[in-house]
Amino acid sequence: MSDTSAPIPSLADRARPIEAGAPVVGVHFFGATPVFVLGEEALLFAPADGERRVTIHGGAILASKSDGTRIVTGGDDGKLVATDADGSHQVIATDDKKRWIDQVALGPDGAVAWSEGKVAHVRTKKGELRSFEAPSTVAGLAFAPKGLRAAIAHYNGATLWFPNAAGAAPQKFEWKGSHLGVTFSPDGKFLITTMQESALHGWRIADGQHMRMTGYSARVRSLGWTAGGAFLATSGSEQLILWPFDGKDGPMRRQPKMLAASKARVTMMACHPRQPVVAVGYADGAVLLVRIDDGALIKARQADSQPISALGWDTSGQMLAFGTELGAAGVLTL
C-alpha cells in the first residue's frame, strides 16, 4: 500500500488554474477543450485561449454524460439538454410534471437514456422513444457495451431492459437494499451496483452469480473501469480500491488492490483512457496520479481543504481536468 505521507513528485505547479465560481459537479472534454459542469445552470468552456459560460438549465444540473461530440445534462427543471462543442444546445426531452432528471446515460449509435421518478426512457439515434417503469425510483442507468441493453438500478436490485425488443421480458437481478448506481464491465459479463450502504454488489450476467464487495468506510460515489477492464476502481475509502476483473469469476474469492493511502477520504477517481493509471481526488483537495502496476504516485494538485468533486481525462490521456465543491478548478497537461 502506498503511503502519501512520504515525499511525492509533483506536477501541481504546471496546472492551469480556473475559477469556476460555483461547485463543479462534472467535467468533460471536446477535443482539447475542458468543459466544467457547474452545480447551477451553466457549463464553463475553458480552452487555453479564454473561458465562456453557457447557460443551459433553469436550475441545478443533476447529471451529465458525454460521448465527445455532445454533453447531455439533466436538471431539476425537468429538462434533458444536449450541448455541442460550439456551445449550441437544445432541449431533447422535457418532463411535463417538471420532475427532476437526475439520471443520464449515453449508449451505442447515439442512444440516450434518462429517467424521472420510476420511469426510464431511451431515445435512439433515429428519434424512436421507448419507456420502462421500474419497480421503484430509478437510481442509476447504464448501457451495455454491446447491443442496445440498459441497466436500471433501483430498490432491491437491478433490471436489464431491452428497449428494441418489445416482447422481451426484462432480466431481473435481485439483492435486498437500496442500489444507487450501476455499471457494466467492459466485456459485458458483469453487472455492478453501488449501494446506500458502504458496499458494492455484483452479478455475473450469464448465471446470476452474486458478488459482494465490502470494506469501505463510506458510500461509493465514484467508480470506473481501468484501461482494458482489468480493474474496477472506486472511491469510498481512505485509499483507492481496485477490484480485479481479469478472470471469468471477477473478484469472487479475491482481494482488492489498495493504493494511494491517505488520511483524507477518496471522493472522486478517473481512469486514464489508455494506460494503467488512475487520477484520484481526495476530500482535502489533493489529486494524485496512481500507477496501478507498482503504486507509484505523482501529485497533480496540492491539498487545500476543498473536496474534489469532479475529475476527467481527455481521450488522449494527455490532459486531466479537476474541480472542487467550492468552485476551484484546473487543467493539467502532461
Protein backbone atom coordinates (compact mmCIF):
# COMPACT_ATOMS: atom_id res chain seq x y z
CA MET A 1 0.00 0.00 0.00
CA SER A 2 1.37 3.43 -0.92
CA ASP A 3 1.91 5.99 1.82
CA THR A 4 1.14 9.54 0.73
CA SER A 5 2.92 10.96 3.80
CA ALA A 6 6.24 10.29 2.02
CA PRO A 7 7.55 12.94 -0.42
CA ILE A 8 5.74 12.64 -3.74
CA PRO A 9 6.93 14.07 -7.07
CA SER A 10 4.66 16.95 -8.05
CA LEU A 11 3.33 18.44 -11.28
CA ALA A 12 0.84 20.62 -9.43
CA ASP A 13 2.57 23.88 -10.33
CA ARG A 14 2.08 23.09 -14.04
CA ALA A 15 -1.71 23.04 -13.75
CA ARG A 16 -3.64 25.95 -15.28
CA PRO A 17 -5.94 27.34 -12.58
CA ILE A 18 -9.56 28.12 -13.39
CA GLU A 19 -12.02 29.91 -11.13
CA ALA A 20 -15.34 28.23 -11.80
CA GLY A 21 -17.22 30.42 -9.33
CA ALA A 22 -19.65 27.61 -8.45
CA PRO A 23 -19.43 23.99 -7.31
CA VAL A 24 -18.13 21.74 -10.11
CA VAL A 25 -20.27 18.62 -10.49
CA GLY A 26 -18.73 17.17 -13.65
CA VAL A 27 -16.01 17.66 -16.24
CA HIS A 28 -15.83 16.56 -19.89
CA PHE A 29 -13.72 17.34 -22.95
CA PHE A 30 -14.42 18.43 -26.50
CA GLY A 31 -11.04 17.62 -28.03
CA ALA A 32 -8.54 19.69 -26.04
CA THR A 33 -11.23 21.93 -24.54
CA PRO A 34 -12.24 21.09 -20.98
CA VAL A 35 -15.86 21.79 -20.07
CA PHE A 36 -16.81 22.09 -16.42
CA VAL A 37 -20.38 21.25 -15.42
CA LEU A 38 -21.43 23.71 -12.73
CA GLY A 39 -23.90 22.93 -10.00
CA GLU A 40 -26.26 25.66 -11.16
CA GLU A 41 -27.46 26.37 -14.69
CA ALA A 42 -24.26 26.53 -16.73
CA LEU A 43 -21.35 24.84 -18.46
CA LEU A 44 -17.95 26.54 -18.32
CA PHE A 45 -15.91 26.09 -21.51
CA ALA A 46 -12.25 26.58 -20.63
CA PRO A 47 -9.92 26.37 -23.65
CA ALA A 48 -6.42 27.79 -23.23
CA ASP A 49 -7.31 31.00 -25.06
CA GLY A 50 -10.30 32.06 -22.97
CA GLU A 51 -13.30 30.96 -20.94
CA ARG A 52 -17.02 31.29 -21.54
CA ARG A 53 -20.15 30.22 -19.69
CA VAL A 54 -23.16 28.76 -21.44
CA THR A 55 -26.42 28.72 -19.51
CA ILE A 56 -28.36 25.56 -20.35
CA HIS A 57 -30.70 24.89 -17.40
CA GLY A 58 -33.08 26.91 -15.26
CA GLY A 59 -31.77 25.46 -12.01
CA ALA A 60 -29.45 22.80 -10.66
CA ILE A 61 -27.65 20.42 -13.03
CA LEU A 62 -28.08 16.95 -11.56
CA ALA A 63 -26.39 14.63 -14.06
CA SER A 64 -24.11 14.80 -17.09
CA LYS A 65 -22.59 12.42 -19.61
CA SER A 66 -20.52 12.98 -22.75
CA ASP A 67 -19.52 10.92 -25.79
CA GLY A 68 -17.00 13.50 -27.02
CA THR A 69 -19.40 15.06 -29.52
CA ARG A 70 -22.07 16.28 -27.09
CA ILE A 71 -22.65 16.75 -23.38
CA VAL A 72 -26.09 15.61 -22.23
CA THR A 73 -27.33 17.01 -18.93
CA GLY A 74 -30.38 16.55 -16.74
CA GLY A 75 -31.68 19.20 -14.37
CA ASP A 76 -34.16 19.93 -11.63
CA ASP A 77 -36.05 21.99 -14.21
CA GLY A 78 -37.26 18.71 -15.73
CA LYS A 79 -35.22 19.17 -18.92
CA LEU A 80 -32.71 16.98 -20.76
CA VAL A 81 -30.30 19.14 -22.74
CA ALA A 82 -27.66 18.28 -25.36
CA THR A 83 -24.79 20.74 -25.81
CA ASP A 84 -22.37 20.69 -28.76
CA ALA A 85 -18.70 21.67 -28.92
CA ASP A 86 -19.55 25.19 -30.10
CA GLY A 87 -21.86 25.78 -27.13
CA SER A 88 -25.09 25.45 -29.07
CA HIS A 89 -27.65 23.44 -27.15
CA GLN A 90 -31.16 22.09 -27.45
CA VAL A 91 -33.71 20.56 -25.14
CA ILE A 92 -34.15 16.95 -26.24
CA ALA A 93 -36.72 15.92 -23.63
CA THR A 94 -38.94 17.61 -21.06
CA ASP A 95 -40.93 16.11 -18.23
CA ASP A 96 -44.43 17.60 -18.25
CA LYS A 97 -44.60 17.34 -14.45
CA LYS A 98 -41.19 19.05 -14.13
CA ARG A 99 -39.79 16.14 -12.14
CA TRP A 100 -36.04 16.06 -11.68
CA ILE A 101 -33.98 14.38 -14.37
CA ASP A 102 -31.11 13.11 -12.29
CA GLN A 103 -30.00 10.03 -14.25
CA VAL A 104 -28.46 10.17 -17.73
CA ALA A 105 -26.62 7.57 -19.82
CA LEU A 106 -25.25 7.56 -23.37
CA GLY A 107 -25.24 4.38 -25.39
CA PRO A 108 -24.31 2.86 -28.73
CA ASP A 109 -25.11 4.56 -32.00
CA GLY A 110 -26.23 7.82 -30.40
CA ALA A 111 -28.78 6.39 -27.98
CA VAL A 112 -29.52 8.36 -24.81
CA ALA A 113 -31.28 7.24 -21.63
CA TRP A 114 -32.73 9.29 -18.80
CA SER A 115 -35.27 8.94 -16.04
CA GLU A 116 -37.77 10.77 -13.91
CA GLY A 117 -39.26 9.03 -10.92
CA LYS A 118 -39.86 5.34 -11.65
CA VAL A 119 -39.81 5.70 -15.44
CA ALA A 120 -36.71 5.18 -17.59
CA HIS A 121 -36.62 6.35 -21.21
CA VAL A 122 -34.39 5.55 -24.17
CA ARG A 123 -34.30 7.56 -27.37
CA THR A 124 -32.49 6.02 -30.31
CA LYS A 125 -30.43 7.92 -32.88
CA LYS A 126 -33.47 7.75 -35.18
CA GLY A 127 -35.57 9.50 -32.54
CA GLU A 128 -37.61 6.47 -31.51
CA LEU A 129 -38.71 6.68 -27.87
CA ARG A 130 -39.02 3.68 -25.56
CA SER A 131 -40.09 3.78 -21.88
CA PHE A 132 -39.97 1.34 -18.98
CA GLU A 133 -41.46 1.58 -15.50
CA ALA A 134 -39.08 0.25 -12.86
CA PRO A 135 -40.24 -1.36 -9.59
CA SER A 136 -39.18 1.79 -7.71
CA THR A 137 -37.42 5.10 -8.33
CA VAL A 138 -34.67 4.80 -10.94
CA ALA A 139 -31.42 5.42 -9.08
CA GLY A 140 -28.90 4.52 -11.77
CA LEU A 141 -28.69 3.98 -15.54
CA ALA A 142 -26.07 2.43 -17.80
CA PHE A 143 -25.86 0.97 -21.31
CA ALA A 144 -24.21 -2.35 -22.03
CA PRO A 145 -21.01 -2.09 -24.09
CA LYS A 146 -22.60 -4.05 -26.96
CA GLY A 147 -26.17 -4.11 -28.22
CA LEU A 148 -29.00 -1.91 -27.02
CA ARG A 149 -29.41 -3.05 -23.42
CA ALA A 150 -29.97 -0.71 -20.50
CA ALA A 151 -29.35 -1.49 -16.84
CA ILE A 152 -31.57 0.20 -14.26
CA ALA A 153 -30.61 0.33 -10.58
CA HIS A 154 -33.48 0.53 -8.10
CA TYR A 155 -34.53 -0.65 -4.68
CA ASN A 156 -33.79 -4.36 -4.10
CA GLY A 157 -31.66 -4.83 -7.20
CA ALA A 158 -31.23 -4.01 -10.86
CA THR A 159 -33.08 -4.75 -14.10
CA LEU A 160 -31.75 -5.31 -17.62
CA TRP A 161 -34.11 -3.81 -20.18
CA PHE A 162 -34.05 -4.38 -23.94
CA PRO A 163 -35.62 -1.22 -25.46
CA ASN A 164 -35.74 -2.53 -29.03
CA ALA A 165 -37.29 -5.90 -28.12
CA ALA A 166 -40.88 -5.09 -27.23
CA GLY A 167 -41.76 -8.68 -26.37
CA ALA A 168 -38.63 -9.48 -24.39
CA ALA A 169 -39.08 -9.81 -20.64
CA PRO A 170 -36.68 -7.71 -18.60
CA GLN A 171 -33.93 -9.62 -16.82
CA LYS A 172 -34.04 -9.09 -13.06
CA PHE A 173 -31.13 -9.23 -10.62
CA GLU A 174 -32.21 -9.11 -7.00
CA TRP A 175 -30.42 -8.20 -3.79
CA LYS A 176 -32.05 -6.55 -0.81
CA GLY A 177 -31.22 -2.92 -0.21
CA SER A 178 -31.04 0.41 -1.98
CA HIS A 179 -28.98 0.29 -5.21
CA LEU A 180 -27.95 3.78 -6.28
CA GLY A 181 -25.69 3.39 -9.32
CA VAL A 182 -24.92 0.77 -11.94
CA THR A 183 -22.18 -0.15 -14.41
CA PHE A 184 -21.37 -2.97 -16.84
CA SER A 185 -17.90 -4.44 -17.09
CA PRO A 186 -16.32 -3.53 -20.45
CA ASP A 187 -16.64 -7.14 -21.64
CA GLY A 188 -20.36 -7.13 -20.78
CA LYS A 189 -20.07 -10.15 -18.47
CA PHE A 190 -20.69 -8.48 -15.11
CA LEU A 191 -23.20 -6.01 -13.69
CA ILE A 192 -22.16 -3.96 -10.64
CA THR A 193 -24.22 -1.62 -8.46
CA THR A 194 -23.26 0.87 -5.78
CA MET A 195 -25.40 0.75 -2.65
CA GLN A 196 -26.69 3.09 0.02
CA GLU A 197 -24.57 1.14 2.48
CA SER A 198 -20.79 1.14 2.17
CA ALA A 199 -20.60 -1.68 -0.36
CA LEU A 200 -20.89 -2.75 -3.98
CA HIS A 201 -22.94 -5.65 -5.23
CA GLY A 202 -22.50 -7.51 -8.47
CA TRP A 203 -23.80 -10.32 -10.61
CA ARG A 204 -22.29 -12.45 -13.32
CA ILE A 205 -24.90 -11.87 -16.01
CA ALA A 206 -24.73 -15.36 -17.54
CA ASP A 207 -25.82 -17.20 -14.39
CA GLY A 208 -26.74 -14.51 -11.83
CA GLN A 209 -23.86 -15.46 -9.52
CA HIS A 210 -23.62 -12.86 -6.74
CA MET A 211 -20.54 -10.81 -5.88
CA ARG A 212 -20.34 -8.87 -2.63
CA MET A 213 -17.67 -6.17 -2.38
CA THR A 214 -17.33 -4.61 1.07
CA GLY A 215 -14.76 -2.97 3.35
CA TYR A 216 -15.48 0.68 2.58
CA SER A 217 -15.62 3.45 5.17
CA ALA A 218 -18.26 5.42 3.21
CA ARG A 219 -20.68 5.04 0.31
CA VAL A 220 -19.04 4.58 -3.08
CA ARG A 221 -19.88 7.64 -5.17
CA SER A 222 -17.27 7.40 -7.92
CA LEU A 223 -16.15 4.35 -9.88
CA GLY A 224 -14.78 3.45 -13.28
CA TRP A 225 -13.02 0.77 -15.30
CA THR A 226 -9.29 0.86 -15.91
CA ALA A 227 -7.91 0.64 -19.45
CA GLY A 228 -8.54 -2.89 -20.71
CA GLY A 229 -11.12 -3.56 -17.99
CA ALA A 230 -8.74 -5.41 -15.63
CA PHE A 231 -9.90 -3.47 -12.56
CA LEU A 232 -12.94 -1.63 -11.25
CA ALA A 233 -11.55 1.45 -9.46
CA THR A 234 -13.63 3.00 -6.69
CA SER A 235 -13.81 5.77 -4.13
CA GLY A 236 -15.34 5.29 -0.68
CA SER A 237 -12.28 4.76 1.48
CA GLU A 238 -9.01 6.40 2.51
CA GLN A 239 -7.28 4.77 -0.42
CA LEU A 240 -8.04 3.85 -3.99
CA ILE A 241 -9.67 0.40 -4.07
CA LEU A 242 -9.35 -1.69 -7.25
CA TRP A 243 -11.35 -4.89 -7.66
CA PRO A 244 -9.86 -7.44 -10.09
CA PHE A 245 -11.98 -8.42 -13.11
CA ASP A 246 -9.34 -10.12 -15.23
CA GLY A 247 -10.79 -13.63 -14.88
CA LYS A 248 -14.04 -15.45 -15.53
CA ASP A 249 -15.11 -15.09 -11.88
CA GLY A 250 -14.30 -11.41 -11.47
CA PRO A 251 -13.49 -10.50 -7.86
CA MET A 252 -15.10 -13.60 -6.36
CA ARG A 253 -12.80 -15.10 -3.67
CA ARG A 254 -10.17 -12.44 -4.46
CA GLN A 255 -8.95 -9.41 -2.54
CA PRO A 256 -8.85 -5.89 -3.98
CA LYS A 257 -5.68 -3.93 -4.63
CA MET A 258 -5.41 -0.85 -2.40
CA LEU A 259 -3.19 2.08 -3.40
CA ALA A 260 -2.55 5.74 -2.57
CA ALA A 261 -3.46 5.63 1.12
CA SER A 262 -4.23 8.97 2.74
CA LYS A 263 -5.68 10.45 5.91
CA ALA A 264 -8.35 12.02 3.68
CA ARG A 265 -11.11 10.01 2.00
CA VAL A 266 -11.13 9.45 -1.76
CA THR A 267 -14.04 11.44 -3.17
CA MET A 268 -13.53 11.07 -6.94
CA MET A 269 -11.48 8.98 -9.34
CA ALA A 270 -10.98 8.87 -13.10
CA CYS A 271 -9.23 6.08 -15.00
CA HIS A 272 -6.72 7.00 -17.70
CA PRO A 273 -8.21 6.06 -21.10
CA ARG A 274 -5.12 4.19 -22.32
CA GLN A 275 -2.67 3.45 -19.51
CA PRO A 276 -2.91 1.60 -16.15
CA VAL A 277 -3.13 4.91 -14.31
CA VAL A 278 -5.90 6.40 -12.15
CA ALA A 279 -6.39 10.02 -11.12
CA VAL A 280 -7.56 10.12 -7.51
CA GLY A 281 -9.19 13.11 -5.81
CA TYR A 282 -9.46 13.46 -2.04
CA ALA A 283 -11.64 15.26 0.48
CA ASP A 284 -8.69 17.50 1.39
CA GLY A 285 -8.40 18.78 -2.19
CA ALA A 286 -5.36 16.77 -3.26
CA VAL A 287 -5.24 14.97 -6.62
CA LEU A 288 -2.79 12.13 -7.19
CA LEU A 289 -1.91 10.15 -10.30
CA VAL A 290 -1.52 6.49 -9.34
CA ARG A 291 0.24 3.88 -11.46
CA ILE A 292 -1.51 0.57 -10.84
CA ASP A 293 1.43 -1.74 -11.63
CA ASP A 294 3.69 -0.51 -8.82
CA GLY A 295 1.66 2.09 -6.89
CA ALA A 296 3.92 4.97 -7.94
CA LEU A 297 2.43 8.42 -7.24
CA ILE A 298 2.62 11.87 -8.79
CA LYS A 299 0.84 14.86 -7.27
CA ALA A 300 -1.41 16.77 -9.67
CA ARG A 301 -2.98 19.16 -7.14
CA GLN A 302 -1.97 20.26 -3.67
CA ALA A 303 -4.36 19.80 -0.76
CA ASP A 304 -6.24 22.99 0.19
CA SER A 305 -9.29 21.70 2.12
CA GLN A 306 -11.56 21.95 -0.96
CA PRO A 307 -13.01 18.47 -1.60
CA ILE A 308 -12.53 17.24 -5.15
CA SER A 309 -15.95 16.87 -6.80
CA ALA A 310 -15.06 16.22 -10.46
CA LEU A 311 -12.22 14.61 -12.40
CA GLY A 312 -11.88 13.79 -16.09
CA TRP A 313 -9.32 12.91 -18.79
CA ASP A 314 -9.37 13.89 -22.43
CA THR A 315 -9.48 10.98 -24.89
CA SER A 316 -5.71 11.08 -25.49
CA GLY A 317 -4.91 10.89 -21.79
CA GLN A 318 -2.68 13.96 -22.05
CA MET A 319 -4.95 16.36 -20.15
CA LEU A 320 -6.59 16.00 -16.74
CA ALA A 321 -9.23 18.44 -15.51
CA PHE A 322 -10.46 18.71 -11.93
CA GLY A 323 -12.96 20.75 -9.93
CA THR A 324 -13.92 21.20 -6.29
CA GLU A 325 -17.05 21.65 -4.23
CA LEU A 326 -16.08 25.28 -3.60
CA GLY A 327 -15.57 26.30 -7.22
CA ALA A 328 -11.85 25.98 -7.78
CA ALA A 329 -10.79 24.11 -10.91
CA GLY A 330 -7.78 23.43 -13.07
CA VAL A 331 -6.31 21.63 -16.06
CA LEU A 332 -3.04 19.73 -16.03
CA THR A 333 -1.34 18.95 -19.35
CA LEU A 334 1.09 16.07 -19.08
